[in-house]
Every structure is written in structure tokens, then in C-alpha cells.
Amino acid sequence: MAYSRFRAGAALRTAALALTIVAAAWMIVQTHWYVTISLVLATALAQIAALVRFATQSSREVARFSRRHLLR
């Protein structure tokens, strides 16, 4: 099986997001660290945005390539 940079990147970002969500859920249930909980939730939102951007990057690159090279 060939190595896929896209799959590895998506898996790494998804695993980090899952760990962040689990940490936030644990803090919500077990602690009263409201500022830390807010920061972890903000980090989760940033990770979601980064994952979406990473997932759509290849289609943006293909569109840019086709505009630049195929439509001359």
C-alpha cells in the first residue's frame, strides 16, 4: 500500500481534534476551570477550521493548475 500524505495529514488532524474534544468533555464534567475549558473549545474550533482547509486544499490546487496550464 502506498503512503498518502493526504491520508496521514487528515488522520493526524482528526486524532488531534478527537483528543481535544475528549479533554474538553473531561474538563467540563470534572473541573471548574472555565477559562481553560473555553481555551480548549476555541482550540477545537481552530482545529476544525484547519481540517476543512486541509481537506479542500487539493481541489484548490487542481483548480489553480487547470486555470494556469490548461486554459492557455
N, C-alpha and C. Protein backbone atom coordinates (compact mmCIF):
# COMPACT_ATOMS: atom_id res chain seq x y z
N MET A 1 0.85 -1.18 0.00
CA MET A 1 0.00 0.00 0.00
C MET A 1 0.89 1.24 0.00
N ALA A 2 0.58 2.17 -0.81
CA ALA A 2 1.37 3.38 -0.96
C ALA A 2 1.06 4.37 0.17
N TYR A 3 2.05 5.15 0.51
CA TYR A 3 1.90 6.19 1.52
C TYR A 3 1.15 7.37 0.92
N SER A 4 0.20 7.88 1.65
CA SER A 4 -0.56 9.03 1.19
C SER A 4 -0.40 10.16 2.19
N ARG A 5 0.22 11.25 1.72
CA ARG A 5 0.41 12.40 2.60
C ARG A 5 -0.94 12.98 3.04
N PHE A 6 -1.91 12.97 2.12
CA PHE A 6 -3.23 13.49 2.46
C PHE A 6 -3.87 12.67 3.58
N ARG A 7 -3.85 11.34 3.44
CA ARG A 7 -4.46 10.48 4.46
C ARG A 7 -3.77 10.62 5.80
N ALA A 8 -2.46 10.68 5.78
CA ALA A 8 -1.71 10.83 7.03
C ALA A 8 -2.04 12.17 7.70
N GLY A 9 -2.08 13.23 6.90
CA GLY A 9 -2.41 14.54 7.45
C GLY A 9 -3.82 14.60 8.01
N ALA A 10 -4.76 14.02 7.27
CA ALA A 10 -6.15 14.02 7.73
C ALA A 10 -6.30 13.17 9.00
N ALA A 11 -5.62 12.03 9.04
CA ALA A 11 -5.70 11.18 10.22
C ALA A 11 -5.09 11.86 11.44
N LEU A 12 -3.97 12.52 11.26
CA LEU A 12 -3.33 13.22 12.36
C LEU A 12 -4.19 14.36 12.87
N ARG A 13 -4.75 15.13 11.98
CA ARG A 13 -5.62 16.25 12.40
C ARG A 13 -6.90 15.74 13.07
N THR A 14 -7.46 14.65 12.56
CA THR A 14 -8.67 14.08 13.16
C THR A 14 -8.38 13.53 14.55
N ALA A 15 -7.25 12.87 14.72
CA ALA A 15 -6.88 12.33 16.03
C ALA A 15 -6.65 13.46 17.04
N ALA A 16 -5.98 14.52 16.61
CA ALA A 16 -5.76 15.66 17.49
C ALA A 16 -7.08 16.31 17.88
N LEU A 17 -7.99 16.43 16.93
CA LEU A 17 -9.30 17.00 17.22
C LEU A 17 -10.07 16.13 18.21
N ALA A 18 -10.03 14.82 18.01
CA ALA A 18 -10.72 13.90 18.93
C ALA A 18 -10.16 14.01 20.34
N LEU A 19 -8.84 14.07 20.46
CA LEU A 19 -8.23 14.21 21.79
C LEU A 19 -8.61 15.54 22.44
N THR A 20 -8.67 16.59 21.66
CA THR A 20 -9.06 17.89 22.20
C THR A 20 -10.50 17.87 22.69
N ILE A 21 -11.38 17.24 21.93
CA ILE A 21 -12.79 17.16 22.34
C ILE A 21 -12.94 16.31 23.59
N VAL A 22 -12.21 15.21 23.67
CA VAL A 22 -12.26 14.36 24.87
C VAL A 22 -11.75 15.14 26.08
N ALA A 23 -10.65 15.87 25.91
CA ALA A 23 -10.11 16.67 27.01
C ALA A 23 -11.12 17.73 27.46
N ALA A 24 -11.77 18.38 26.51
CA ALA A 24 -12.77 19.39 26.86
C ALA A 24 -13.95 18.76 27.59
N ALA A 25 -14.41 17.62 27.12
CA ALA A 25 -15.52 16.94 27.78
C ALA A 25 -15.15 16.54 29.20
N TRP A 26 -13.94 16.03 29.38
CA TRP A 26 -13.49 15.64 30.72
C TRP A 26 -13.45 16.86 31.64
N MET A 27 -12.91 17.97 31.14
CA MET A 27 -12.83 19.18 31.96
C MET A 27 -14.21 19.72 32.32
N ILE A 28 -15.14 19.63 31.38
CA ILE A 28 -16.49 20.12 31.65
C ILE A 28 -17.13 19.31 32.78
N VAL A 29 -16.91 18.00 32.77
CA VAL A 29 -17.53 17.12 33.77
C VAL A 29 -16.79 17.16 35.11
N GLN A 30 -15.47 17.22 35.09
CA GLN A 30 -14.67 17.02 36.30
C GLN A 30 -14.16 18.29 36.98
N THR A 31 -14.08 19.39 36.29
CA THR A 31 -13.44 20.57 36.87
C THR A 31 -14.31 21.81 36.74
N HIS A 32 -13.81 22.88 37.33
CA HIS A 32 -14.45 24.19 37.21
C HIS A 32 -13.47 25.18 36.59
N TRP A 33 -12.63 24.69 35.70
CA TRP A 33 -11.63 25.52 35.04
C TRP A 33 -12.26 26.16 33.80
N TYR A 34 -13.07 27.16 34.01
CA TYR A 34 -13.87 27.73 32.92
C TYR A 34 -13.02 28.40 31.84
N VAL A 35 -11.98 29.08 32.23
CA VAL A 35 -11.12 29.73 31.25
C VAL A 35 -10.40 28.67 30.41
N THR A 36 -9.88 27.64 31.08
CA THR A 36 -9.18 26.58 30.36
C THR A 36 -10.14 25.84 29.43
N ILE A 37 -11.35 25.58 29.89
CA ILE A 37 -12.36 24.92 29.05
C ILE A 37 -12.63 25.78 27.82
N SER A 38 -12.76 27.08 28.00
CA SER A 38 -13.01 27.97 26.87
C SER A 38 -11.85 27.95 25.88
N LEU A 39 -10.63 27.93 26.39
CA LEU A 39 -9.46 27.89 25.52
C LEU A 39 -9.38 26.57 24.75
N VAL A 40 -9.71 25.47 25.41
CA VAL A 40 -9.68 24.16 24.74
C VAL A 40 -10.78 24.10 23.67
N LEU A 41 -11.95 24.63 23.96
CA LEU A 41 -13.02 24.65 22.96
C LEU A 41 -12.65 25.56 21.78
N ALA A 42 -12.00 26.68 22.05
CA ALA A 42 -11.54 27.55 20.96
C ALA A 42 -10.48 26.83 20.12
N THR A 43 -9.63 26.06 20.77
CA THR A 43 -8.64 25.26 20.05
C THR A 43 -9.33 24.23 19.16
N ALA A 44 -10.39 23.60 19.66
CA ALA A 44 -11.13 22.62 18.86
C ALA A 44 -11.74 23.29 17.63
N LEU A 45 -12.27 24.48 17.78
CA LEU A 45 -12.83 25.19 16.63
C LEU A 45 -11.74 25.53 15.61
N ALA A 46 -10.58 25.93 16.09
CA ALA A 46 -9.47 26.22 15.19
C ALA A 46 -9.01 24.94 14.46
N GLN A 47 -9.02 23.81 15.16
CA GLN A 47 -8.64 22.55 14.54
C GLN A 47 -9.66 22.13 13.48
N ILE A 48 -10.93 22.39 13.72
CA ILE A 48 -11.96 22.09 12.71
C ILE A 48 -11.72 22.93 11.46
N ALA A 49 -11.44 24.22 11.66
CA ALA A 49 -11.18 25.09 10.52
C ALA A 49 -9.94 24.63 9.75
N ALA A 50 -8.90 24.23 10.47
CA ALA A 50 -7.68 23.76 9.81
C ALA A 50 -7.93 22.45 9.05
N LEU A 51 -8.75 21.58 9.61
CA LEU A 51 -9.06 20.31 8.94
C LEU A 51 -9.85 20.56 7.65
N VAL A 52 -10.81 21.45 7.69
CA VAL A 52 -11.60 21.78 6.50
C VAL A 52 -10.69 22.41 5.45
N ARG A 53 -9.83 23.31 5.86
CA ARG A 53 -8.91 23.95 4.91
C ARG A 53 -7.97 22.92 4.29
N PHE A 54 -7.47 22.00 5.09
CA PHE A 54 -6.57 20.95 4.59
C PHE A 54 -7.31 20.04 3.62
N ALA A 55 -8.56 19.70 3.93
CA ALA A 55 -9.32 18.79 3.08
C ALA A 55 -9.67 19.41 1.73
N THR A 56 -9.83 20.71 1.68
CA THR A 56 -10.19 21.38 0.43
C THR A 56 -8.98 21.90 -0.34
N GLN A 57 -7.80 21.74 0.23
CA GLN A 57 -6.59 22.27 -0.39
C GLN A 57 -6.31 21.63 -1.75
N SER A 58 -6.51 20.33 -1.87
CA SER A 58 -6.19 19.67 -3.15
C SER A 58 -7.10 20.16 -4.27
N SER A 59 -8.37 20.38 -3.98
CA SER A 59 -9.26 20.86 -5.04
C SER A 59 -8.89 22.28 -5.45
N ARG A 60 -8.44 23.10 -4.51
CA ARG A 60 -7.98 24.45 -4.85
C ARG A 60 -6.74 24.39 -5.73
N GLU A 61 -5.83 23.45 -5.41
CA GLU A 61 -4.61 23.33 -6.21
C GLU A 61 -4.91 22.83 -7.62
N VAL A 62 -5.84 21.91 -7.76
CA VAL A 62 -6.21 21.41 -9.08
C VAL A 62 -6.86 22.54 -9.89
N ALA A 63 -7.72 23.31 -9.27
CA ALA A 63 -8.36 24.42 -9.97
C ALA A 63 -7.33 25.46 -10.40
N ARG A 64 -6.38 25.74 -9.55
CA ARG A 64 -5.34 26.70 -9.89
C ARG A 64 -4.47 26.17 -11.03
N PHE A 65 -4.13 24.88 -10.98
CA PHE A 65 -3.33 24.27 -12.04
C PHE A 65 -4.07 24.33 -13.38
N SER A 66 -5.36 24.00 -13.36
CA SER A 66 -6.11 23.98 -14.62
C SER A 66 -6.25 25.39 -15.20
N ARG A 67 -6.43 26.38 -14.35
CA ARG A 67 -6.50 27.76 -14.85
C ARG A 67 -5.18 28.18 -15.45
N ARG A 68 -4.10 27.79 -14.81
CA ARG A 68 -2.78 28.26 -15.22
C ARG A 68 -2.24 27.50 -16.43
N HIS A 69 -2.45 26.18 -16.52
CA HIS A 69 -1.79 25.40 -17.54
C HIS A 69 -2.73 24.89 -18.66
N LEU A 70 -3.94 24.63 -18.34
CA LEU A 70 -4.82 24.04 -19.33
C LEU A 70 -5.60 25.06 -20.13
N LEU A 71 -5.76 26.23 -19.60
CA LEU A 71 -6.60 27.22 -20.27
C LEU A 71 -5.78 28.31 -20.94
N ARG A 72 -4.60 27.99 -21.38
CA ARG A 72 -3.74 28.97 -22.05
C ARG A 72 -4.20 29.26 -23.44
